[in-house]
Amino acid sequence: MSNQRYSQPAITPINERPLQNVSGVLGSRLFAWIGDIIVLFILGWLIFFLLLVLGVVTFGATWLLIPIATVATGLGYAALTIGGPRQSTWGMRMAGLRVETADGGRPDGLAAAVHALLFYVAAGTVALWVLDILCGVARSDRRLGHDLLTGLVVVRA
């Protein structure tokens, strides 16, 4: 056995996060969510009606797409709006909010869709939803549980 010494690479510090304005974000997120539910309700009914009419022409084949279209509508809405240039859904725009990455960058569509998916899963179960909200109440940067898992931050626009 030789007497070689193993050297470890130098530890490089992680850049500090930019100062992001998160004052009053939790309350505004509730109003943004209500606005988004209204938008998704209207959008969902338009897609449902379109698939219903196409189902008559296709002898019911497109009716099988209705459950898939329900999920795809919510995820696509988040991916296109949060992942878009304004970085916010229509409800978030009404509430004066936008989404950034933890380092202050612009989120991509996939991160926005996963962010929405995790939120809908948490909102569908009371225990996860309460845990998700408690994360935001306990943290100084007001990031909810699904924000932490996706690396996103909701800030004042």
N, C-alpha and C. Protein backbone atom coordinates (compact mmCIF):
# COMPACT_ATOMS: atom_id res chain seq x y z
N MET A 1 0.84 -1.17 0.00
CA MET A 1 0.00 0.00 0.00
C MET A 1 0.88 1.24 0.00
N SER A 2 0.58 2.15 -0.83
CA SER A 2 1.41 3.35 -0.94
C SER A 2 0.92 4.44 0.00
N ASN A 3 1.76 5.41 0.24
CA ASN A 3 1.43 6.52 1.14
C ASN A 3 0.99 7.75 0.35
N GLN A 4 0.11 7.59 -0.59
CA GLN A 4 -0.38 8.74 -1.36
C GLN A 4 -1.44 9.46 -0.56
N ARG A 5 -1.41 10.75 -0.66
CA ARG A 5 -2.46 11.56 -0.02
C ARG A 5 -3.48 11.96 -1.05
N TYR A 6 -4.72 11.84 -0.66
CA TYR A 6 -5.78 12.23 -1.55
C TYR A 6 -6.19 13.65 -1.20
N SER A 7 -6.21 14.51 -2.20
CA SER A 7 -6.61 15.89 -1.95
C SER A 7 -8.02 16.10 -2.49
N GLN A 8 -8.79 16.82 -1.73
CA GLN A 8 -10.15 17.13 -2.14
C GLN A 8 -10.15 18.47 -2.85
N PRO A 9 -11.07 18.64 -3.77
CA PRO A 9 -11.15 19.94 -4.44
C PRO A 9 -11.59 21.02 -3.46
N ALA A 10 -11.23 22.23 -3.76
CA ALA A 10 -11.59 23.35 -2.90
C ALA A 10 -13.11 23.53 -2.89
N ILE A 11 -13.62 23.92 -1.77
CA ILE A 11 -15.06 24.16 -1.63
C ILE A 11 -15.36 25.54 -2.18
N THR A 12 -16.26 25.59 -3.14
CA THR A 12 -16.64 26.88 -3.72
C THR A 12 -17.99 27.28 -3.15
N PRO A 13 -18.12 28.51 -2.72
CA PRO A 13 -19.40 28.94 -2.13
C PRO A 13 -20.48 29.07 -3.20
N ILE A 14 -21.69 28.75 -2.81
CA ILE A 14 -22.84 28.93 -3.69
C ILE A 14 -23.19 30.40 -3.68
N ASN A 15 -23.50 30.92 -4.84
CA ASN A 15 -23.88 32.33 -4.92
C ASN A 15 -25.12 32.58 -4.07
N GLU A 16 -25.14 33.73 -3.45
CA GLU A 16 -26.31 34.07 -2.64
C GLU A 16 -27.50 34.34 -3.53
N ARG A 17 -28.68 34.02 -3.01
CA ARG A 17 -29.90 34.28 -3.76
C ARG A 17 -30.14 35.77 -3.84
N PRO A 18 -30.70 36.24 -4.95
CA PRO A 18 -31.02 37.66 -5.06
C PRO A 18 -32.13 38.04 -4.09
N LEU A 19 -32.20 39.29 -3.74
CA LEU A 19 -33.26 39.79 -2.86
C LEU A 19 -34.56 39.78 -3.66
N GLN A 20 -35.51 38.98 -3.20
CA GLN A 20 -36.79 38.85 -3.90
C GLN A 20 -37.90 39.34 -2.97
N ASN A 21 -38.78 40.19 -3.49
CA ASN A 21 -39.86 40.77 -2.70
C ASN A 21 -40.97 39.75 -2.52
N VAL A 22 -41.08 39.20 -1.32
CA VAL A 22 -42.10 38.19 -1.03
C VAL A 22 -43.11 38.69 0.01
N SER A 23 -43.19 39.99 0.23
CA SER A 23 -44.10 40.52 1.24
C SER A 23 -45.55 40.38 0.78
N GLY A 24 -46.37 39.79 1.62
CA GLY A 24 -47.78 39.62 1.35
C GLY A 24 -48.11 38.63 0.25
N VAL A 25 -47.18 37.76 -0.07
CA VAL A 25 -47.37 36.82 -1.18
C VAL A 25 -48.39 35.74 -0.85
N LEU A 26 -48.41 35.24 0.39
CA LEU A 26 -49.31 34.13 0.73
C LEU A 26 -50.78 34.51 0.54
N GLY A 27 -51.18 35.67 1.01
CA GLY A 27 -52.56 36.11 0.83
C GLY A 27 -52.91 36.36 -0.62
N SER A 28 -51.97 36.94 -1.36
CA SER A 28 -52.20 37.22 -2.77
C SER A 28 -52.30 35.94 -3.58
N ARG A 29 -51.58 34.91 -3.16
CA ARG A 29 -51.64 33.63 -3.87
C ARG A 29 -53.03 33.02 -3.80
N LEU A 30 -53.75 33.23 -2.69
CA LEU A 30 -55.11 32.73 -2.58
C LEU A 30 -56.01 33.39 -3.62
N PHE A 31 -55.91 34.71 -3.76
CA PHE A 31 -56.73 35.41 -4.75
C PHE A 31 -56.32 35.03 -6.18
N ALA A 32 -55.03 34.82 -6.40
CA ALA A 32 -54.56 34.39 -7.71
C ALA A 32 -55.12 33.01 -8.04
N TRP A 33 -55.15 32.13 -7.04
CA TRP A 33 -55.68 30.78 -7.25
C TRP A 33 -57.16 30.83 -7.61
N ILE A 34 -57.93 31.69 -6.95
CA ILE A 34 -59.35 31.83 -7.27
C ILE A 34 -59.53 32.31 -8.71
N GLY A 35 -58.73 33.30 -9.11
CA GLY A 35 -58.79 33.78 -10.50
C GLY A 35 -58.42 32.69 -11.49
N ASP A 36 -57.40 31.91 -11.16
CA ASP A 36 -56.98 30.83 -12.06
C ASP A 36 -58.03 29.73 -12.15
N ILE A 37 -58.72 29.44 -11.05
CA ILE A 37 -59.79 28.44 -11.08
C ILE A 37 -60.90 28.89 -12.01
N ILE A 38 -61.23 30.16 -12.00
CA ILE A 38 -62.27 30.68 -12.90
C ILE A 38 -61.82 30.55 -14.36
N VAL A 39 -60.57 30.93 -14.64
CA VAL A 39 -60.04 30.82 -16.01
C VAL A 39 -60.01 29.36 -16.45
N LEU A 40 -59.53 28.46 -15.57
CA LEU A 40 -59.47 27.04 -15.92
C LEU A 40 -60.86 26.43 -16.09
N PHE A 41 -61.82 26.91 -15.32
CA PHE A 41 -63.20 26.43 -15.47
C PHE A 41 -63.74 26.77 -16.85
N ILE A 42 -63.55 28.01 -17.28
CA ILE A 42 -64.02 28.44 -18.61
C ILE A 42 -63.27 27.70 -19.70
N LEU A 43 -61.96 27.63 -19.58
CA LEU A 43 -61.15 26.94 -20.58
C LEU A 43 -61.49 25.45 -20.63
N GLY A 44 -61.70 24.85 -19.48
CA GLY A 44 -62.06 23.44 -19.42
C GLY A 44 -63.39 23.15 -20.08
N TRP A 45 -64.37 24.03 -19.88
CA TRP A 45 -65.67 23.83 -20.51
C TRP A 45 -65.58 24.00 -22.01
N LEU A 46 -64.76 24.93 -22.49
CA LEU A 46 -64.59 25.09 -23.94
C LEU A 46 -63.99 23.82 -24.56
N ILE A 47 -62.98 23.27 -23.92
CA ILE A 47 -62.35 22.05 -24.42
C ILE A 47 -63.31 20.87 -24.31
N PHE A 48 -64.05 20.79 -23.21
CA PHE A 48 -65.04 19.72 -23.05
C PHE A 48 -66.09 19.78 -24.16
N PHE A 49 -66.60 20.99 -24.43
CA PHE A 49 -67.61 21.16 -25.46
C PHE A 49 -67.05 20.78 -26.83
N LEU A 50 -65.80 21.17 -27.11
CA LEU A 50 -65.17 20.82 -28.37
C LEU A 50 -65.04 19.31 -28.52
N LEU A 51 -64.59 18.64 -27.47
CA LEU A 51 -64.46 17.17 -27.52
C LEU A 51 -65.82 16.49 -27.59
N LEU A 52 -66.83 17.10 -26.97
CA LEU A 52 -68.19 16.55 -27.03
C LEU A 52 -68.73 16.60 -28.46
N VAL A 53 -68.54 17.72 -29.14
CA VAL A 53 -69.00 17.87 -30.51
C VAL A 53 -68.21 16.95 -31.44
N LEU A 54 -66.88 16.90 -31.25
CA LEU A 54 -66.06 16.01 -32.07
C LEU A 54 -66.40 14.54 -31.83
N GLY A 55 -66.90 14.24 -30.65
CA GLY A 55 -67.29 12.87 -30.33
C GLY A 55 -68.46 12.40 -31.15
N VAL A 56 -69.34 13.31 -31.52
CA VAL A 56 -70.47 12.95 -32.37
C VAL A 56 -69.96 12.57 -33.76
N VAL A 57 -69.00 13.33 -34.26
CA VAL A 57 -68.44 13.08 -35.59
C VAL A 57 -67.59 11.80 -35.60
N THR A 58 -66.88 11.55 -34.51
CA THR A 58 -65.97 10.39 -34.46
C THR A 58 -66.61 9.18 -33.77
N PHE A 59 -67.93 9.18 -33.64
CA PHE A 59 -68.67 8.08 -33.02
C PHE A 59 -68.18 7.79 -31.60
N GLY A 60 -67.87 8.83 -30.84
CA GLY A 60 -67.51 8.69 -29.44
C GLY A 60 -66.03 8.49 -29.15
N ALA A 61 -65.21 8.43 -30.17
CA ALA A 61 -63.77 8.17 -29.94
C ALA A 61 -63.10 9.30 -29.17
N THR A 62 -63.44 10.54 -29.46
CA THR A 62 -62.78 11.65 -28.74
C THR A 62 -63.31 11.81 -27.32
N TRP A 63 -64.41 11.16 -27.00
CA TRP A 63 -64.90 11.23 -25.63
C TRP A 63 -63.92 10.56 -24.67
N LEU A 64 -63.13 9.63 -25.18
CA LEU A 64 -62.12 8.99 -24.35
C LEU A 64 -61.00 9.96 -23.95
N LEU A 65 -60.87 11.05 -24.68
CA LEU A 65 -59.83 12.04 -24.38
C LEU A 65 -60.23 13.03 -23.29
N ILE A 66 -61.49 13.02 -22.88
CA ILE A 66 -61.96 14.02 -21.90
C ILE A 66 -61.19 13.96 -20.59
N PRO A 67 -60.96 12.80 -19.97
CA PRO A 67 -60.17 12.80 -18.72
C PRO A 67 -58.73 13.28 -18.92
N ILE A 68 -58.13 12.89 -20.03
CA ILE A 68 -56.76 13.33 -20.32
C ILE A 68 -56.73 14.85 -20.56
N ALA A 69 -57.73 15.35 -21.27
CA ALA A 69 -57.79 16.78 -21.57
C ALA A 69 -57.98 17.61 -20.30
N THR A 70 -58.65 17.06 -19.31
CA THR A 70 -58.85 17.76 -18.05
C THR A 70 -57.52 18.04 -17.37
N VAL A 71 -56.68 17.03 -17.27
CA VAL A 71 -55.37 17.18 -16.65
C VAL A 71 -54.46 18.04 -17.53
N ALA A 72 -54.48 17.77 -18.83
CA ALA A 72 -53.61 18.50 -19.76
C ALA A 72 -53.94 19.99 -19.80
N THR A 73 -55.20 20.34 -19.59
CA THR A 73 -55.58 21.75 -19.60
C THR A 73 -54.91 22.50 -18.46
N GLY A 74 -54.96 21.94 -17.26
CA GLY A 74 -54.34 22.61 -16.11
C GLY A 74 -52.83 22.69 -16.22
N LEU A 75 -52.21 21.59 -16.64
CA LEU A 75 -50.75 21.58 -16.76
C LEU A 75 -50.28 22.45 -17.92
N GLY A 76 -51.00 22.40 -19.03
CA GLY A 76 -50.65 23.24 -20.18
C GLY A 76 -50.82 24.71 -19.88
N TYR A 77 -51.88 25.05 -19.16
CA TYR A 77 -52.11 26.45 -18.77
C TYR A 77 -50.94 26.97 -17.94
N ALA A 78 -50.49 26.19 -16.98
CA ALA A 78 -49.36 26.61 -16.14
C ALA A 78 -48.07 26.67 -16.95
N ALA A 79 -47.85 25.67 -17.81
CA ALA A 79 -46.61 25.64 -18.59
C ALA A 79 -46.53 26.83 -19.54
N LEU A 80 -47.63 27.18 -20.18
CA LEU A 80 -47.61 28.28 -21.14
C LEU A 80 -47.59 29.65 -20.48
N THR A 81 -48.24 29.80 -19.34
CA THR A 81 -48.30 31.13 -18.72
C THR A 81 -47.11 31.38 -17.79
N ILE A 82 -46.82 30.46 -16.89
CA ILE A 82 -45.67 30.64 -15.98
C ILE A 82 -44.37 30.49 -16.75
N GLY A 83 -44.33 29.58 -17.70
CA GLY A 83 -43.14 29.40 -18.52
C GLY A 83 -43.01 30.44 -19.62
N GLY A 84 -43.99 31.31 -19.76
CA GLY A 84 -43.98 32.34 -20.80
C GLY A 84 -43.21 33.59 -20.38
N PRO A 85 -43.24 34.61 -21.22
CA PRO A 85 -42.47 35.82 -20.95
C PRO A 85 -42.92 36.61 -19.71
N ARG A 86 -44.20 36.52 -19.34
CA ARG A 86 -44.68 37.27 -18.16
C ARG A 86 -44.48 36.52 -16.85
N GLN A 87 -44.15 35.22 -16.93
CA GLN A 87 -43.84 34.39 -15.77
C GLN A 87 -44.97 34.32 -14.75
N SER A 88 -46.21 34.41 -15.21
CA SER A 88 -47.34 34.35 -14.27
C SER A 88 -48.60 33.91 -15.00
N THR A 89 -49.49 33.27 -14.24
CA THR A 89 -50.79 32.91 -14.78
C THR A 89 -51.66 34.17 -14.79
N TRP A 90 -52.83 34.07 -15.38
CA TRP A 90 -53.70 35.24 -15.42
C TRP A 90 -54.14 35.65 -14.01
N GLY A 91 -54.37 34.68 -13.15
CA GLY A 91 -54.73 34.98 -11.77
C GLY A 91 -53.58 35.67 -11.04
N MET A 92 -52.35 35.22 -11.28
CA MET A 92 -51.18 35.85 -10.65
C MET A 92 -51.00 37.27 -11.15
N ARG A 93 -51.29 37.51 -12.42
CA ARG A 93 -51.19 38.88 -12.95
C ARG A 93 -52.19 39.79 -12.26
N MET A 94 -53.40 39.28 -12.02
CA MET A 94 -54.41 40.09 -11.33
C MET A 94 -53.98 40.40 -9.90
N ALA A 95 -53.26 39.48 -9.27
CA ALA A 95 -52.82 39.66 -7.88
C ALA A 95 -51.45 40.33 -7.79
N GLY A 96 -50.82 40.64 -8.91
CA GLY A 96 -49.52 41.31 -8.88
C GLY A 96 -48.37 40.39 -8.51
N LEU A 97 -48.41 39.15 -8.96
CA LEU A 97 -47.37 38.17 -8.63
C LEU A 97 -46.71 37.64 -9.91
N ARG A 98 -45.54 37.08 -9.75
CA ARG A 98 -44.88 36.35 -10.83
C ARG A 98 -43.98 35.28 -10.23
N VAL A 99 -43.56 34.34 -11.05
CA VAL A 99 -42.76 33.20 -10.59
C VAL A 99 -41.34 33.36 -11.12
N GLU A 100 -40.38 33.11 -10.24
CA GLU A 100 -38.96 33.13 -10.62
C GLU A 100 -38.32 31.84 -10.12
N THR A 101 -37.16 31.53 -10.67
CA THR A 101 -36.38 30.44 -10.10
C THR A 101 -35.74 30.98 -8.82
N ALA A 102 -35.20 30.10 -8.02
CA ALA A 102 -34.61 30.52 -6.74
C ALA A 102 -33.45 31.48 -6.93
N ASP A 103 -32.77 31.41 -8.07
CA ASP A 103 -31.65 32.32 -8.32
C ASP A 103 -32.07 33.55 -9.12
N GLY A 104 -33.38 33.78 -9.26
CA GLY A 104 -33.88 34.99 -9.90
C GLY A 104 -34.11 34.86 -11.39
N GLY A 105 -33.96 33.69 -11.95
CA GLY A 105 -34.14 33.49 -13.39
C GLY A 105 -35.58 33.21 -13.78
N ARG A 106 -35.77 32.98 -15.06
CA ARG A 106 -37.10 32.71 -15.60
C ARG A 106 -37.33 31.20 -15.65
N PRO A 107 -38.46 30.71 -15.12
CA PRO A 107 -38.72 29.27 -15.14
C PRO A 107 -39.07 28.79 -16.55
N ASP A 108 -38.77 27.54 -16.82
CA ASP A 108 -39.16 26.97 -18.11
C ASP A 108 -40.52 26.30 -17.98
N GLY A 109 -41.08 25.89 -19.11
CA GLY A 109 -42.41 25.32 -19.13
C GLY A 109 -42.53 24.02 -18.36
N LEU A 110 -41.50 23.18 -18.41
CA LEU A 110 -41.55 21.91 -17.69
C LEU A 110 -41.58 22.13 -16.18
N ALA A 111 -40.76 23.04 -15.68
CA ALA A 111 -40.76 23.34 -14.25
C ALA A 111 -42.11 23.92 -13.83
N ALA A 112 -42.70 24.75 -14.68
CA ALA A 112 -44.02 25.32 -14.38
C ALA A 112 -45.10 24.24 -14.34
N ALA A 113 -45.04 23.29 -15.27
CA ALA A 113 -46.04 22.22 -15.29
C ALA A 113 -45.89 21.31 -14.07
N VAL A 114 -44.66 20.98 -13.71
CA VAL A 114 -44.43 20.14 -12.52
C VAL A 114 -44.86 20.89 -11.27
N HIS A 115 -44.61 22.20 -11.22
CA HIS A 115 -45.03 23.04 -10.10
C HIS A 115 -46.55 22.96 -9.94
N ALA A 116 -47.27 23.09 -11.05
CA ALA A 116 -48.73 23.01 -11.00
C ALA A 116 -49.20 21.61 -10.61
N LEU A 117 -48.56 20.58 -11.14
CA LEU A 117 -48.93 19.21 -10.82
C LEU A 117 -48.77 18.93 -9.33
N LEU A 118 -47.65 19.35 -8.75
CA LEU A 118 -47.44 19.15 -7.32
C LEU A 118 -48.46 19.93 -6.49
N PHE A 119 -48.82 21.13 -6.94
CA PHE A 119 -49.83 21.90 -6.23
C PHE A 119 -51.18 21.19 -6.27
N TYR A 120 -51.58 20.68 -7.44
CA TYR A 120 -52.88 20.02 -7.55
C TYR A 120 -52.92 18.73 -6.76
N VAL A 121 -51.81 18.01 -6.71
CA VAL A 121 -51.75 16.79 -5.89
C VAL A 121 -51.88 17.15 -4.42
N ALA A 122 -51.16 18.20 -3.98
CA ALA A 122 -51.25 18.63 -2.58
C ALA A 122 -52.64 19.14 -2.24
N ALA A 123 -53.24 19.90 -3.15
CA ALA A 123 -54.58 20.45 -2.90
C ALA A 123 -55.64 19.36 -2.88
N GLY A 124 -55.36 18.23 -3.50
CA GLY A 124 -56.32 17.13 -3.53
C GLY A 124 -56.35 16.31 -2.26
N THR A 125 -55.36 16.45 -1.41
CA THR A 125 -55.33 15.73 -0.13
C THR A 125 -55.13 16.75 0.98
N VAL A 126 -55.96 16.70 1.96
CA VAL A 126 -55.95 17.72 3.01
C VAL A 126 -54.62 17.74 3.77
N ALA A 127 -54.09 16.58 4.11
CA ALA A 127 -52.86 16.53 4.90
C ALA A 127 -51.69 17.15 4.13
N LEU A 128 -51.55 16.80 2.85
CA LEU A 128 -50.46 17.37 2.06
C LEU A 128 -50.66 18.86 1.84
N TRP A 129 -51.90 19.28 1.66
CA TRP A 129 -52.19 20.69 1.44
C TRP A 129 -51.83 21.51 2.68
N VAL A 130 -52.19 21.01 3.86
CA VAL A 130 -51.86 21.70 5.10
C VAL A 130 -50.35 21.76 5.29
N LEU A 131 -49.66 20.67 5.02
CA LEU A 131 -48.21 20.65 5.10
C LEU A 131 -47.58 21.62 4.12
N ASP A 132 -48.13 21.69 2.92
CA ASP A 132 -47.65 22.61 1.89
C ASP A 132 -47.79 24.06 2.37
N ILE A 133 -48.93 24.40 2.93
CA ILE A 133 -49.18 25.77 3.42
C ILE A 133 -48.30 26.07 4.63
N LEU A 134 -48.15 25.12 5.53
CA LEU A 134 -47.32 25.34 6.72
C LEU A 134 -45.87 25.64 6.37
N CYS A 135 -45.39 25.06 5.28
CA CYS A 135 -44.03 25.39 4.83
C CYS A 135 -43.92 26.88 4.53
N GLY A 136 -44.92 27.42 3.86
CA GLY A 136 -44.91 28.84 3.52
C GLY A 136 -45.05 29.75 4.73
N VAL A 137 -45.83 29.32 5.71
CA VAL A 137 -46.01 30.12 6.93
C VAL A 137 -44.74 30.12 7.76
N ALA A 138 -44.04 29.00 7.80
CA ALA A 138 -42.85 28.87 8.64
C ALA A 138 -41.61 29.49 8.03
N ARG A 139 -41.54 29.60 6.72
CA ARG A 139 -40.33 30.10 6.06
C ARG A 139 -40.39 31.61 5.86
N SER A 140 -39.24 32.25 5.97
CA SER A 140 -39.19 33.71 5.79
C SER A 140 -39.37 34.12 4.34
N ASP A 141 -39.02 33.23 3.39
CA ASP A 141 -39.19 33.58 1.98
C ASP A 141 -40.56 33.17 1.44
N ARG A 142 -41.43 32.66 2.30
CA ARG A 142 -42.82 32.32 1.99
C ARG A 142 -42.98 31.32 0.85
N ARG A 143 -42.00 30.43 0.69
CA ARG A 143 -42.09 29.40 -0.33
C ARG A 143 -42.87 28.21 0.22
N LEU A 144 -43.86 27.77 -0.54
CA LEU A 144 -44.65 26.61 -0.15
C LEU A 144 -43.87 25.35 -0.47
N GLY A 145 -44.40 24.21 -0.05
CA GLY A 145 -43.71 22.95 -0.25
C GLY A 145 -43.45 22.63 -1.71
N HIS A 146 -44.44 22.86 -2.56
CA HIS A 146 -44.23 22.55 -3.98
C HIS A 146 -43.29 23.56 -4.64
N ASP A 147 -43.15 24.75 -4.07
CA ASP A 147 -42.14 25.71 -4.54
C ASP A 147 -40.73 25.18 -4.25
N LEU A 148 -40.56 24.64 -3.05
CA LEU A 148 -39.26 24.12 -2.65
C LEU A 148 -38.86 22.93 -3.52
N LEU A 149 -39.82 22.05 -3.81
CA LEU A 149 -39.51 20.86 -4.59
C LEU A 149 -39.15 21.19 -6.05
N THR A 150 -39.68 22.28 -6.58
CA THR A 150 -39.38 22.64 -7.97
C THR A 150 -38.35 23.74 -8.10
N GLY A 151 -37.93 24.35 -6.99
CA GLY A 151 -36.91 25.39 -7.05
C GLY A 151 -37.45 26.72 -7.55
N LEU A 152 -38.74 26.98 -7.35
CA LEU A 152 -39.35 28.23 -7.82
C LEU A 152 -39.76 29.09 -6.63
N VAL A 153 -39.90 30.39 -6.89
CA VAL A 153 -40.29 31.36 -5.87
C VAL A 153 -41.37 32.25 -6.47
N VAL A 154 -42.45 32.49 -5.73
CA VAL A 154 -43.48 33.42 -6.17
C VAL A 154 -43.17 34.76 -5.49
N VAL A 155 -43.03 35.80 -6.32
CA VAL A 155 -42.62 37.13 -5.83
C VAL A 155 -43.59 38.18 -6.31
N ARG A 156 -43.47 39.36 -5.76
CA ARG A 156 -44.25 40.51 -6.23
C ARG A 156 -43.74 40.92 -7.60
N ALA A 157 -44.65 41.23 -8.50
CA ALA A 157 -44.26 41.63 -9.87
C ALA A 157 -43.76 43.05 -9.88
